[in-house]
Amino acid sequence: MLEITCNDRLGKKVRVKCNPDDTVGDLKKLIAAQTGTRWDKIVLKKWYTTFKDHIQLQDYEIHDGMNIELYYQ
């Protein structure tokens, strides 16, 4: 079980628990449930890498306690 922190730099910081074999799309749906935004309007990035929805978190080497940047489309 991973705990990931997403920060949108506008004052909203969301902590989400998920599994390493979840996809990025699943992570977006968990974030959307906490923030109240639609999951398809969320863009997740780490530095300049934009995460694609169909790829698993373990393939992107996302680990427990990691911070991810949260943007709105």
PDB file of N, CA and C in Angstrom:
ATOM      1  N   MET A   1       0.842  -1.175   0.000  1.00  0.00           N
ATOM      2  CA  MET A   1       0.000   0.000   0.000  1.00  0.00           C
ATOM      3  C   MET A   1       0.891   1.243   0.000  1.00  0.00           C
ATOM      4  N   LEU A   2       0.651   2.123  -0.940  1.00  0.00           N
ATOM      5  CA  LEU A   2       1.420   3.358  -1.067  1.00  0.00           C
ATOM      6  C   LEU A   2       0.609   4.532  -0.559  1.00  0.00           C
ATOM      7  N   GLU A   3       1.299   5.516   0.016  1.00  0.00           N
ATOM      8  CA  GLU A   3       0.645   6.788   0.337  1.00  0.00           C
ATOM      9  C   GLU A   3       1.354   7.863  -0.482  1.00  0.00           C
ATOM     10  N   ILE A   4       0.596   8.502  -1.370  1.00  0.00           N
ATOM     11  CA  ILE A   4       1.141   9.485  -2.298  1.00  0.00           C
ATOM     12  C   ILE A   4       0.548  10.846  -1.969  1.00  0.00           C
ATOM     13  N   THR A   5       1.392  11.874  -1.976  1.00  0.00           N
ATOM     14  CA  THR A   5       0.949  13.241  -1.724  1.00  0.00           C
ATOM     15  C   THR A   5       0.929  13.999  -3.045  1.00  0.00           C
ATOM     16  N   CYS A   6      -0.203  14.641  -3.343  1.00  0.00           N
ATOM     17  CA  CYS A   6      -0.347  15.436  -4.557  1.00  0.00           C
ATOM     18  C   CYS A   6      -0.555  16.887  -4.166  1.00  0.00           C
ATOM     19  N   ASN A   7       0.249  17.762  -4.744  1.00  0.00           N
ATOM     20  CA  ASN A   7       0.198  19.182  -4.424  1.00  0.00           C
ATOM     21  C   ASN A   7      -0.091  19.958  -5.702  1.00  0.00           C
ATOM     22  N   ASP A   8      -1.098  20.846  -5.665  1.00  0.00           N
ATOM     23  CA  ASP A   8      -1.431  21.623  -6.855  1.00  0.00           C
ATOM     24  C   ASP A   8      -0.833  23.028  -6.835  1.00  0.00           C
ATOM     25  N   ARG A   9      -0.049  23.354  -5.790  1.00  0.00           N
ATOM     26  CA  ARG A   9       0.629  24.646  -5.646  1.00  0.00           C
ATOM     27  C   ARG A   9      -0.328  25.822  -5.517  1.00  0.00           C
ATOM     28  N   LEU A  10      -1.603  25.530  -5.321  1.00  0.00           N
ATOM     29  CA  LEU A  10      -2.611  26.573  -5.083  1.00  0.00           C
ATOM     30  C   LEU A  10      -3.157  26.465  -3.667  1.00  0.00           C
ATOM     31  N   GLY A  11      -2.474  25.703  -2.830  1.00  0.00           N
ATOM     32  CA  GLY A  11      -2.894  25.551  -1.452  1.00  0.00           C
ATOM     33  C   GLY A  11      -3.609  24.255  -1.159  1.00  0.00           C
ATOM     34  N   LYS A  12      -3.810  23.419  -2.166  1.00  0.00           N
ATOM     35  CA  LYS A  12      -4.500  22.149  -1.962  1.00  0.00           C
ATOM     36  C   LYS A  12      -3.487  21.014  -2.015  1.00  0.00           C
ATOM     37  N   LYS A  13      -3.434  20.258  -0.939  1.00  0.00           N
ATOM     38  CA  LYS A  13      -2.534  19.111  -0.848  1.00  0.00           C
ATOM     39  C   LYS A  13      -3.376  17.898  -0.486  1.00  0.00           C
ATOM     40  N   VAL A  14      -3.295  16.854  -1.278  1.00  0.00           N
ATOM     41  CA  VAL A  14      -4.131  15.673  -1.116  1.00  0.00           C
ATOM     42  C   VAL A  14      -3.236  14.467  -0.867  1.00  0.00           C
ATOM     43  N   ARG A  15      -3.562  13.683   0.151  1.00  0.00           N
ATOM     44  CA  ARG A  15      -2.864  12.421   0.413  1.00  0.00           C
ATOM     45  C   ARG A  15      -3.787  11.268   0.053  1.00  0.00           C
ATOM     46  N   VAL A  16      -3.277  10.357  -0.767  1.00  0.00           N
ATOM     47  CA  VAL A  16      -4.076   9.254  -1.298  1.00  0.00           C
ATOM     48  C   VAL A  16      -3.352   7.941  -1.039  1.00  0.00           C
ATOM     49  N   LYS A  17      -4.105   6.918  -0.630  1.00  0.00           N
ATOM     50  CA  LYS A  17      -3.552   5.571  -0.473  1.00  0.00           C
ATOM     51  C   LYS A  17      -3.991   4.725  -1.659  1.00  0.00           C
ATOM     52  N   CYS A  18      -3.024   4.016  -2.255  1.00  0.00           N
ATOM     53  CA  CYS A  18      -3.332   3.159  -3.395  1.00  0.00           C
ATOM     54  C   CYS A  18      -2.309   2.024  -3.451  1.00  0.00           C
ATOM     55  N   ASN A  19      -2.512   1.116  -4.379  1.00  0.00           N
ATOM     56  CA  ASN A  19      -1.630  -0.040  -4.544  1.00  0.00           C
ATOM     57  C   ASN A  19      -0.635   0.213  -5.676  1.00  0.00           C
ATOM     58  N   PRO A  20       0.524  -0.427  -5.647  1.00  0.00           N
ATOM     59  CA  PRO A  20       1.504  -0.224  -6.726  1.00  0.00           C
ATOM     60  C   PRO A  20       1.029  -0.709  -8.094  1.00  0.00           C
ATOM     61  N   ASP A  21       0.093  -1.662  -8.112  1.00  0.00           N
ATOM     62  CA  ASP A  21      -0.384  -2.151  -9.400  1.00  0.00           C
ATOM     63  C   ASP A  21      -1.610  -1.406  -9.915  1.00  0.00           C
ATOM     64  N   ASP A  22      -2.005  -0.316  -9.233  1.00  0.00           N
ATOM     65  CA  ASP A  22      -3.063   0.552  -9.750  1.00  0.00           C
ATOM     66  C   ASP A  22      -2.523   1.368 -10.917  1.00  0.00           C
ATOM     67  N   THR A  23      -3.421   1.753 -11.812  1.00  0.00           N
ATOM     68  CA  THR A  23      -3.004   2.610 -12.921  1.00  0.00           C
ATOM     69  C   THR A  23      -3.065   4.072 -12.492  1.00  0.00           C
ATOM     70  N   VAL A  24      -2.487   4.935 -13.306  1.00  0.00           N
ATOM     71  CA  VAL A  24      -2.533   6.372 -13.039  1.00  0.00           C
ATOM     72  C   VAL A  24      -3.973   6.866 -13.118  1.00  0.00           C
ATOM     73  N   GLY A  25      -4.783   6.270 -13.994  1.00  0.00           N
ATOM     74  CA  GLY A  25      -6.206   6.621 -14.077  1.00  0.00           C
ATOM     75  C   GLY A  25      -6.939   6.320 -12.781  1.00  0.00           C
ATOM     76  N   ASP A  26      -6.604   5.201 -12.130  1.00  0.00           N
ATOM     77  CA  ASP A  26      -7.202   4.863 -10.833  1.00  0.00           C
ATOM     78  C   ASP A  26      -6.801   5.887  -9.778  1.00  0.00           C
ATOM     79  N   LEU A  27      -5.541   6.305  -9.804  1.00  0.00           N
ATOM     80  CA  LEU A  27      -5.057   7.319  -8.867  1.00  0.00           C
ATOM     81  C   LEU A  27      -5.778   8.641  -9.071  1.00  0.00           C
ATOM     82  N   LYS A  28      -6.012   9.002 -10.327  1.00  0.00           N
ATOM     83  CA  LYS A  28      -6.738  10.239 -10.620  1.00  0.00           C
ATOM     84  C   LYS A  28      -8.164  10.185 -10.084  1.00  0.00           C
ATOM     85  N   LYS A  29      -8.798   9.008 -10.158  1.00  0.00           N
ATOM     86  CA  LYS A  29     -10.168   8.869  -9.647  1.00  0.00           C
ATOM     87  C   LYS A  29     -10.207   9.003  -8.131  1.00  0.00           C
ATOM     88  N   LEU A  30      -9.176   8.504  -7.436  1.00  0.00           N
ATOM     89  CA  LEU A  30      -9.101   8.662  -5.983  1.00  0.00           C
ATOM     90  C   LEU A  30      -8.877  10.127  -5.606  1.00  0.00           C
ATOM     91  N   ILE A  31      -8.044  10.819  -6.369  1.00  0.00           N
ATOM     92  CA  ILE A  31      -7.802  12.244  -6.114  1.00  0.00           C
ATOM     93  C   ILE A  31      -9.065  13.050  -6.386  1.00  0.00           C
ATOM     94  N   ALA A  32      -9.769  12.720  -7.459  1.00  0.00           N
ATOM     95  CA  ALA A  32     -10.996  13.430  -7.810  1.00  0.00           C
ATOM     96  C   ALA A  32     -12.068  13.266  -6.741  1.00  0.00           C
ATOM     97  N   ALA A  33     -12.102  12.104  -6.101  1.00  0.00           N
ATOM     98  CA  ALA A  33     -13.079  11.874  -5.040  1.00  0.00           C
ATOM     99  C   ALA A  33     -12.810  12.775  -3.836  1.00  0.00           C
ATOM    100  N   GLN A  34     -11.550  13.101  -3.584  1.00  0.00           N
ATOM    101  CA  GLN A  34     -11.210  13.952  -2.443  1.00  0.00           C
ATOM    102  C   GLN A  34     -11.285  15.436  -2.766  1.00  0.00           C
ATOM    103  N   THR A  35     -10.972  15.809  -4.008  1.00  0.00           N
ATOM    104  CA  THR A  35     -10.935  17.234  -4.353  1.00  0.00           C
ATOM    105  C   THR A  35     -12.255  17.754  -4.894  1.00  0.00           C
ATOM    106  N   GLY A  36     -13.078  16.871  -5.446  1.00  0.00           N
ATOM    107  CA  GLY A  36     -14.358  17.302  -6.005  1.00  0.00           C
ATOM    108  C   GLY A  36     -14.263  17.724  -7.461  1.00  0.00           C
ATOM    109  N   THR A  37     -13.118  17.507  -8.105  1.00  0.00           N
ATOM    110  CA  THR A  37     -12.987  17.814  -9.525  1.00  0.00           C
ATOM    111  C   THR A  37     -13.173  16.538 -10.332  1.00  0.00           C
ATOM    112  N   ARG A  38     -13.419  16.687 -11.626  1.00  0.00           N
ATOM    113  CA  ARG A  38     -13.573  15.507 -12.477  1.00  0.00           C
ATOM    114  C   ARG A  38     -12.209  14.886 -12.733  1.00  0.00           C
ATOM    115  N   TRP A  39     -12.161  13.550 -12.757  1.00  0.00           N
ATOM    116  CA  TRP A  39     -10.879  12.859 -12.861  1.00  0.00           C
ATOM    117  C   TRP A  39     -10.224  13.078 -14.213  1.00  0.00           C
ATOM    118  N   ASP A  40     -11.017  13.308 -15.266  1.00  0.00           N
ATOM    119  CA  ASP A  40     -10.417  13.496 -16.590  1.00  0.00           C
ATOM    120  C   ASP A  40      -9.865  14.904 -16.794  1.00  0.00           C
ATOM    121  N   LYS A  41     -10.092  15.795 -15.828  1.00  0.00           N
ATOM    122  CA  LYS A  41      -9.528  17.145 -15.883  1.00  0.00           C
ATOM    123  C   LYS A  41      -8.237  17.269 -15.087  1.00  0.00           C
ATOM    124  N   ILE A  42      -7.785  16.170 -14.476  1.00  0.00           N
ATOM    125  CA  ILE A  42      -6.588  16.182 -13.643  1.00  0.00           C
ATOM    126  C   ILE A  42      -5.389  15.712 -14.473  1.00  0.00           C
ATOM    127  N   VAL A  43      -4.274  16.426 -14.340  1.00  0.00           N
ATOM    128  CA  VAL A  43      -3.012  16.043 -14.976  1.00  0.00           C
ATOM    129  C   VAL A  43      -1.979  15.865 -13.870  1.00  0.00           C
ATOM    130  N   LEU A  44      -1.324  14.718 -13.836  1.00  0.00           N
ATOM    131  CA  LEU A  44      -0.303  14.437 -12.828  1.00  0.00           C
ATOM    132  C   LEU A  44       1.073  14.477 -13.477  1.00  0.00           C
ATOM    133  N   LYS A  45       1.995  15.192 -12.829  1.00  0.00           N
ATOM    134  CA  LYS A  45       3.348  15.335 -13.366  1.00  0.00           C
ATOM    135  C   LYS A  45       4.371  15.166 -12.260  1.00  0.00           C
ATOM    136  N   LYS A  46       5.552  14.772 -12.657  1.00  0.00           N
ATOM    137  CA  LYS A  46       6.728  14.786 -11.795  1.00  0.00           C
ATOM    138  C   LYS A  46       7.835  15.392 -12.632  1.00  0.00           C
ATOM    139  N   TRP A  47       8.314  16.549 -12.239  1.00  0.00           N
ATOM    140  CA  TRP A  47       9.220  17.373 -13.042  1.00  0.00           C
ATOM    141  C   TRP A  47       8.557  17.637 -14.387  1.00  0.00           C
ATOM    142  N   TYR A  48       9.105  17.132 -15.471  1.00  0.00           N
ATOM    143  CA  TYR A  48       8.497  17.384 -16.783  1.00  0.00           C
ATOM    144  C   TYR A  48       7.853  16.141 -17.365  1.00  0.00           C
ATOM    145  N   THR A  49       7.725  15.101 -16.566  1.00  0.00           N
ATOM    146  CA  THR A  49       7.098  13.861 -17.029  1.00  0.00           C
ATOM    147  C   THR A  49       5.611  13.904 -16.730  1.00  0.00           C
ATOM    148  N   THR A  50       4.784  13.833 -17.767  1.00  0.00           N
ATOM    149  CA  THR A  50       3.336  13.750 -17.599  1.00  0.00           C
ATOM    150  C   THR A  50       2.947  12.282 -17.579  1.00  0.00           C
ATOM    151  N   PHE A  51       2.251  11.877 -16.516  1.00  0.00           N
ATOM    152  CA  PHE A  51       1.876  10.471 -16.362  1.00  0.00           C
ATOM    153  C   PHE A  51       0.655  10.153 -17.216  1.00  0.00           C
ATOM    154  N   LYS A  52       0.709   9.036 -17.939  1.00  0.00           N
ATOM    155  CA  LYS A  52      -0.392   8.591 -18.792  1.00  0.00           C
ATOM    156  C   LYS A  52      -1.318   7.662 -18.002  1.00  0.00           C
ATOM    157  N   ASP A  53      -2.605   7.697 -18.329  1.00  0.00           N
ATOM    158  CA  ASP A  53      -3.639   7.039 -17.529  1.00  0.00           C
ATOM    159  C   ASP A  53      -3.537   5.515 -17.490  1.00  0.00           C
ATOM    160  N   HIS A  54      -3.094   4.881 -18.556  1.00  0.00           N
ATOM    161  CA  HIS A  54      -3.171   3.419 -18.650  1.00  0.00           C
ATOM    162  C   HIS A  54      -1.942   2.703 -18.089  1.00  0.00           C
ATOM    163  N   ILE A  55      -0.949   3.441 -17.615  1.00  0.00           N
ATOM    164  CA  ILE A  55       0.284   2.832 -17.126  1.00  0.00           C
ATOM    165  C   ILE A  55       0.235   2.689 -15.603  1.00  0.00           C
ATOM    166  N   GLN A  56       0.763   1.580 -15.092  1.00  0.00           N
ATOM    167  CA  GLN A  56       0.714   1.324 -13.651  1.00  0.00           C
ATOM    168  C   GLN A  56       1.725   2.188 -12.911  1.00  0.00           C
ATOM    169  N   LEU A  57       1.445   2.421 -11.630  1.00  0.00           N
ATOM    170  CA  LEU A  57       2.307   3.263 -10.799  1.00  0.00           C
ATOM    171  C   LEU A  57       3.695   2.650 -10.633  1.00  0.00           C
ATOM    172  N   GLN A  58       3.774   1.331 -10.515  1.00  0.00           N
ATOM    173  CA  GLN A  58       5.078   0.690 -10.335  1.00  0.00           C
ATOM    174  C   GLN A  58       5.942   0.811 -11.596  1.00  0.00           C
ATOM    175  N   ASP A  59       5.325   0.965 -12.760  1.00  0.00           N
ATOM    176  CA  ASP A  59       6.095   1.153 -13.990  1.00  0.00           C
ATOM    177  C   ASP A  59       6.736   2.536 -14.033  1.00  0.00           C
ATOM    178  N   TYR A  60       6.105   3.516 -13.407  1.00  0.00           N
ATOM    179  CA  TYR A  60       6.684   4.856 -13.293  1.00  0.00           C
ATOM    180  C   TYR A  60       7.612   4.982 -12.079  1.00  0.00           C
ATOM    181  N   GLU A  61       7.791   3.891 -11.342  1.00  0.00           N
ATOM    182  CA  GLU A  61       8.624   3.864 -10.136  1.00  0.00           C
ATOM    183  C   GLU A  61       8.136   4.876  -9.098  1.00  0.00           C
ATOM    184  N   ILE A  62       6.816   4.926  -8.913  1.00  0.00           N
ATOM    185  CA  ILE A  62       6.219   5.763  -7.878  1.00  0.00           C
ATOM    186  C   ILE A  62       6.225   4.953  -6.589  1.00  0.00           C
ATOM    187  N   HIS A  63       6.841   5.509  -5.544  1.00  0.00           N
ATOM    188  CA  HIS A  63       7.040   4.806  -4.292  1.00  0.00           C
ATOM    189  C   HIS A  63       6.217   5.434  -3.177  1.00  0.00           C
ATOM    190  N   ASP A  64       6.239   4.789  -2.026  1.00  0.00           N
ATOM    191  CA  ASP A  64       5.518   5.264  -0.849  1.00  0.00           C
ATOM    192  C   ASP A  64       6.111   6.598  -0.377  1.00  0.00           C
ATOM    193  N   GLY A  65       5.225   7.564  -0.103  1.00  0.00           N
ATOM    194  CA  GLY A  65       5.656   8.861   0.402  1.00  0.00           C
ATOM    195  C   GLY A  65       6.084   9.842  -0.684  1.00  0.00           C
ATOM    196  N   MET A  66       5.858   9.512  -1.926  1.00  0.00           N
ATOM    197  CA  MET A  66       6.307  10.355  -3.031  1.00  0.00           C
ATOM    198  C   MET A  66       5.373  11.545  -3.234  1.00  0.00           C
ATOM    199  N   ASN A  67       5.934  12.661  -3.669  1.00  0.00           N
ATOM    200  CA  ASN A  67       5.153  13.861  -3.990  1.00  0.00           C
ATOM    201  C   ASN A  67       4.985  13.962  -5.498  1.00  0.00           C
ATOM    202  N   ILE A  68       3.753  14.236  -5.922  1.00  0.00           N
ATOM    203  CA  ILE A  68       3.432  14.380  -7.341  1.00  0.00           C
ATOM    204  C   ILE A  68       2.756  15.739  -7.527  1.00  0.00           C
ATOM    205  N   GLU A  69       3.055  16.381  -8.635  1.00  0.00           N
ATOM    206  CA  GLU A  69       2.445  17.674  -8.944  1.00  0.00           C
ATOM    207  C   GLU A  69       1.088  17.464  -9.575  1.00  0.00           C
ATOM    208  N   LEU A  70       0.109  18.242  -9.127  1.00  0.00           N
ATOM    209  CA  LEU A  70      -1.272  18.112  -9.566  1.00  0.00           C
ATOM    210  C   LEU A  70      -1.655  19.363 -10.348  1.00  0.00           C
ATOM    211  N   TYR A  71      -2.060  19.182 -11.589  1.00  0.00           N
ATOM    212  CA  TYR A  71      -2.480  20.299 -12.458  1.00  0.00           C
ATOM    213  C   TYR A  71      -3.898  20.046 -12.935  1.00  0.00           C
ATOM    214  N   TYR A  72      -4.574  21.115 -13.320  1.00  0.00           N
ATOM    215  CA  TYR A  72      -5.940  21.026 -13.839  1.00  0.00           C
ATOM    216  C   TYR A  72      -5.935  21.411 -15.317  1.00  0.00           C
ATOM    217  N   GLN A  73      -6.678  20.662 -16.108  1.00  0.00           N
ATOM    218  CA  GLN A  73      -6.702  20.860 -17.545  1.00  0.00           C
ATOM    219  C   GLN A  73      -7.859  21.743 -17.943  1.00  0.00           C
TER     220      GLN A  73
END
